C-alpha atoms as a PDB file:
ATOM      1  CA  MET A   1     -23.590  13.797  31.111  1.00  0.00           C
ATOM      2  CA  ASP A   2     -26.942  13.225  29.474  1.00  0.00           C
ATOM      3  CA  VAL A   3     -28.131   9.873  28.154  1.00  0.00           C
ATOM      4  CA  PRO A   4     -28.303  10.804  24.442  1.00  0.00           C
ATOM      5  CA  GLU A   5     -24.631  11.850  24.503  1.00  0.00           C
ATOM      6  CA  VAL A   6     -23.617   8.570  26.172  1.00  0.00           C
ATOM      7  CA  ARG A   7     -25.603   6.546  23.621  1.00  0.00           C
ATOM      8  CA  ARG A   8     -24.138   8.499  20.684  1.00  0.00           C
ATOM      9  CA  ARG A   9     -20.593   7.908  21.883  1.00  0.00           C
ATOM     10  CA  LEU A  10     -21.364   4.268  22.644  1.00  0.00           C
ATOM     11  CA  ARG A  11     -22.689   3.737  19.095  1.00  0.00           C
ATOM     12  CA  GLY A  12     -19.498   5.341  17.746  1.00  0.00           C
ATOM     13  CA  ALA A  13     -17.377   2.961  19.827  1.00  0.00           C
ATOM     14  CA  ILE A  14     -19.404  -0.047  18.645  1.00  0.00           C
ATOM     15  CA  GLU A  15     -19.017   1.007  15.009  1.00  0.00           C
ATOM     16  CA  LYS A  16     -15.275   1.492  15.510  1.00  0.00           C
ATOM     17  CA  ALA A  17     -15.020  -2.017  17.011  1.00  0.00           C
ATOM     18  CA  ARG A  18     -16.884  -3.513  14.050  1.00  0.00           C
ATOM     19  CA  GLN A  19     -14.636  -1.731  11.569  1.00  0.00           C
ATOM     20  CA  HIS A  20     -11.537  -2.856  13.462  1.00  0.00           C
ATOM     21  CA  ALA A  21     -12.784  -6.487  13.385  1.00  0.00           C
ATOM     22  CA  VAL A  22     -13.347  -6.334   9.615  1.00  0.00           C
ATOM     23  CA  GLU A  23      -9.859  -4.890   9.038  1.00  0.00           C
ATOM     24  CA  ARG A  24      -8.278  -7.499  11.327  1.00  0.00           C
ATOM     25  CA  ARG A  25     -10.030 -10.356   9.470  1.00  0.00           C
ATOM     26  CA  GLY A  26      -8.703  -8.947   6.202  1.00  0.00           C
ATOM     27  CA  ARG A  27      -5.148  -8.796   7.576  1.00  0.00           C
ATOM     28  CA  SER A  28      -5.477 -12.331   8.948  1.00  0.00           C
ATOM     29  CA  ASP A  29      -6.734 -13.695   5.618  1.00  0.00           C
ATOM     30  CA  ALA A  30      -3.894 -12.025   3.697  1.00  0.00           C
ATOM     31  CA  ALA A  31      -1.363 -13.296   6.247  1.00  0.00           C
ATOM     32  CA  ALA A  32      -2.712 -16.845   5.956  1.00  0.00           C
ATOM     33  CA  ARG A  33      -2.306 -16.757   2.156  1.00  0.00           C
ATOM     34  CA  ASP A  34       1.226 -15.341   2.426  1.00  0.00           C
ATOM     35  CA  TYR A  35       2.113 -17.888   5.099  1.00  0.00           C
ATOM     36  CA  GLU A  36       0.986 -20.851   2.996  1.00  0.00           C
ATOM     37  CA  GLU A  37       3.210 -19.646   0.140  1.00  0.00           C
ATOM     38  CA  PHE A  38       6.095 -19.055   2.554  1.00  0.00           C
ATOM     39  CA  LEU A  39       5.663 -22.493   4.101  1.00  0.00           C
ATOM     40  CA  ALA A  40       5.495 -24.394   0.807  1.00  0.00           C
ATOM     41  CA  GLY A  41       8.117 -22.368  -1.051  1.00  0.00           C
ATOM     42  CA  LYS A  42      10.709 -21.595   1.609  1.00  0.00           C
ATOM     43  CA  ALA A  43      10.279 -23.119   5.076  1.00  0.00           C
ATOM     44  CA  VAL A  44       9.508 -26.770   4.274  1.00  0.00           C
ATOM     45  CA  PRO A  45      12.286 -27.171   1.651  1.00  0.00           C
ATOM     46  CA  LEU A  46      14.743 -25.446   4.006  1.00  0.00           C
ATOM     47  CA  PHE A  47      13.806 -27.726   6.910  1.00  0.00           C
ATOM     48  CA  HIS A  48      14.406 -30.758   4.666  1.00  0.00           C
ATOM     49  CA  GLN A  49      17.840 -29.386   3.727  1.00  0.00           C
ATOM     50  CA  ILE A  50      18.676 -28.811   7.403  1.00  0.00           C
ATOM     51  CA  ALA A  51      17.555 -32.349   8.311  1.00  0.00           C
ATOM     52  CA  SER A  52      19.700 -33.824   5.520  1.00  0.00           C
ATOM     53  CA  ALA A  53      22.725 -31.844   6.680  1.00  0.00           C
ATOM     54  CA  LEU A  54      22.146 -32.920  10.296  1.00  0.00           C
ATOM     55  CA  VAL A  55      21.912 -36.590   9.300  1.00  0.00           C
ATOM     56  CA  ALA A  56      25.147 -36.217   7.326  1.00  0.00           C
ATOM     57  CA  GLU A  57      26.774 -34.881  10.509  1.00  0.00           C
ATOM     58  CA  GLY A  58      25.491 -37.804  12.586  1.00  0.00           C
ATOM     59  CA  HIS A  59      22.480 -36.092  14.219  1.00  0.00           C
ATOM     60  CA  HIS A  60      19.228 -37.825  13.383  1.00  0.00           C
ATOM     61  CA  PHE A  61      16.343 -35.421  12.853  1.00  0.00           C
ATOM     62  CA  LYS A  62      13.150 -35.741  10.828  1.00  0.00           C
ATOM     63  CA  VAL A  63      10.879 -33.157   9.254  1.00  0.00           C
ATOM     64  CA  PHE A  64       7.160 -33.204   9.901  1.00  0.00           C
ATOM     65  CA  SER A  65       4.724 -30.853   8.270  1.00  0.00           C
ATOM     66  CA  PRO A  66       1.402 -31.027  10.069  1.00  0.00           C
ATOM     67  CA  ALA A  67      -1.257 -28.624   8.842  1.00  0.00           C
ATOM     68  CA  GLY A  68      -0.033 -25.059   9.048  1.00  0.00           C
ATOM     69  CA  SER A  69       3.478 -25.696  10.344  1.00  0.00           C
ATOM     70  CA  VAL A  70       6.796 -27.382   9.742  1.00  0.00           C
ATOM     71  CA  ARG A  71       8.703 -29.171  12.499  1.00  0.00           C
ATOM     72  CA  LEU A  72      12.250 -30.486  12.805  1.00  0.00           C
ATOM     73  CA  ALA A  73      12.274 -33.147  15.530  1.00  0.00           C
ATOM     74  CA  SER A  74      14.970 -35.355  16.973  1.00  0.00           C
ATOM     75  CA  ASP A  75      14.711 -39.078  16.184  1.00  0.00           C
ATOM     76  CA  HIS A  76      15.901 -39.912  19.692  1.00  0.00           C
ATOM     77  CA  SER A  77      13.501 -37.607  21.474  1.00  0.00           C
ATOM     78  CA  PRO A  78      10.571 -36.527  19.261  1.00  0.00           C
ATOM     79  CA  GLU A  79       9.216 -34.205  21.960  1.00  0.00           C
ATOM     80  CA  GLN A  80      12.282 -32.021  21.349  1.00  0.00           C
ATOM     81  CA  PHE A  81      11.763 -29.945  18.231  1.00  0.00           C
ATOM     82  CA  VAL A  82      12.017 -26.642  16.424  1.00  0.00           C
ATOM     83  CA  GLU A  83       8.987 -25.548  14.426  1.00  0.00           C
ATOM     84  CA  VAL A  84       7.612 -22.608  12.498  1.00  0.00           C
ATOM     85  CA  VAL A  85       3.937 -21.613  12.833  1.00  0.00           C
ATOM     86  CA  LEU A  86       1.669 -18.661  12.062  1.00  0.00           C
ATOM     87  CA  ASP A  87       0.573 -16.640  15.085  1.00  0.00           C
ATOM     88  CA  THR A  88      -2.843 -15.246  14.202  1.00  0.00           C
ATOM     89  CA  ASP A  89      -3.357 -13.837  17.702  1.00  0.00           C
ATOM     90  CA  ALA A  90      -0.815 -11.096  16.989  1.00  0.00           C
ATOM     91  CA  ASP A  91      -1.952  -8.028  15.085  1.00  0.00           C
ATOM     92  CA  PRO A  92      -0.665  -8.103  12.433  1.00  0.00           C
ATOM     93  CA  PRO A  93      -0.236 -11.891  12.293  1.00  0.00           C
ATOM     94  CA  GLN A  94       3.382 -13.039  12.244  1.00  0.00           C
ATOM     95  CA  VAL A  95       5.493 -16.124  11.748  1.00  0.00           C
ATOM     96  CA  ILE A  96       6.875 -17.408  15.006  1.00  0.00           C
ATOM     97  CA  GLY A  97       9.391 -20.079  15.802  1.00  0.00           C
ATOM     98  CA  ARG A  98       8.674 -22.475  18.624  1.00  0.00           C
ATOM     99  CA  THR A  99      11.256 -24.634  20.361  1.00  0.00           C
ATOM    100  CA  ASN A 100      10.448 -27.476  22.712  1.00  0.00           C
ATOM    101  CA  ARG A 101      13.284 -29.084  24.628  1.00  0.00           C
ATOM    102  CA  GLY A 102      13.714 -31.262  27.659  1.00  0.00           C
ATOM    103  CA  ARG A 103      15.364 -30.259  30.854  1.00  0.00           C
ATOM    104  CA  GLY A 104      15.390 -33.238  33.136  1.00  0.00           C
ATOM    105  CA  ARG A 105      11.831 -34.500  33.306  1.00  0.00           C
ATOM    106  CA  ARG A 106      10.177 -31.271  32.298  1.00  0.00           C
ATOM    107  CA  MET A 107       9.764 -29.741  28.876  1.00  0.00           C
ATOM    108  CA  ILE A 108      10.496 -26.098  28.160  1.00  0.00           C
ATOM    109  CA  THR A 109       8.725 -24.358  25.307  1.00  0.00           C
ATOM    110  CA  ALA A 110       9.932 -21.037  23.942  1.00  0.00           C
ATOM    111  CA  GLU A 111       8.391 -18.912  21.202  1.00  0.00           C
ATOM    112  CA  ARG A 112       9.656 -15.868  19.373  1.00  0.00           C
ATOM    113  CA  PRO A 113       8.979 -14.159  16.057  1.00  0.00           C
ATOM    114  CA  ILE A 114      11.250 -15.153  13.183  1.00  0.00           C
ATOM    115  CA  ASP A 115      11.470 -11.430  12.375  1.00  0.00           C
ATOM    116  CA  GLU A 116       8.698  -9.265  13.753  1.00  0.00           C
ATOM    117  CA  HIS A 117       9.557  -6.314  11.493  1.00  0.00           C
ATOM    118  CA  THR A 118       9.406  -8.217   8.202  1.00  0.00           C
ATOM    119  CA  PRO A 119       6.055  -8.928   6.518  1.00  0.00           C
ATOM    120  CA  ILE A 120       5.350 -12.631   5.994  1.00  0.00           C
ATOM    121  CA  ALA A 121       5.617 -12.388   2.210  1.00  0.00           C
ATOM    122  CA  GLU A 122       9.119 -10.888   2.534  1.00  0.00           C
ATOM    123  CA  LEU A 123      10.619 -13.404   4.982  1.00  0.00           C
ATOM    124  CA  THR A 124      13.726 -15.033   3.566  1.00  0.00           C
ATOM    125  CA  GLU A 125      15.228 -18.488   3.905  1.00  0.00           C
ATOM    126  CA  ASP A 126      18.251 -16.862   5.544  1.00  0.00           C
ATOM    127  CA  GLN A 127      16.093 -15.447   8.345  1.00  0.00           C
ATOM    128  CA  VAL A 128      14.523 -18.853   8.942  1.00  0.00           C
ATOM    129  CA  LEU A 129      17.906 -20.595   8.816  1.00  0.00           C
ATOM    130  CA  SER A 130      19.351 -18.153  11.371  1.00  0.00           C
ATOM    131  CA  PHE A 131      16.432 -18.851  13.707  1.00  0.00           C
ATOM    132  CA  VAL A 132      16.670 -22.634  13.339  1.00  0.00           C
ATOM    133  CA  LEU A 133      20.439 -22.719  13.833  1.00  0.00           C
ATOM    134  CA  SER A 134      20.229 -20.600  16.983  1.00  0.00           C
ATOM    135  CA  GLU A 135      17.506 -22.829  18.409  1.00  0.00           C
ATOM    136  CA  LEU A 136      19.181 -26.120  17.430  1.00  0.00           C
ATOM    137  CA  ILE A 137      22.261 -25.525  19.568  1.00  0.00           C
ATOM    138  CA  PRO A 138      20.611 -26.673  22.852  1.00  0.00           C
ATOM    139  CA  LEU A 139      19.090 -29.703  21.097  1.00  0.00           C
ATOM    140  CA  LEU A 140      22.362 -31.083  19.710  1.00  0.00           C
END
């Protein structure tokens, strides 16, 4: 293969990589905007409702909302929690749920998408509630 052909194809690959990076940044920016609306309008209020219901049932949990996430943590063991965060490493970005729980002296962290087939803007409170309830069982 001659050098000009290699260079031509290499330039094409570089241009394709640049275009892909621009498109990915656009998807990430849109996902971040959708996620902020989802967090403020659905996830945080739902986590507060769950915490209130847990306290009423005798299980003491608190809601924390550090930047870009919402966390439901046990009062007795704050290192055990369920939280919702935006995974920008995925393409397209997606909302994932993270659970941290103790097993003896070690902590086990598990992550999974809330619903990998649903765009962030279309995630429902019911989907988040289903995730949280399934992940709370080992913490109670």
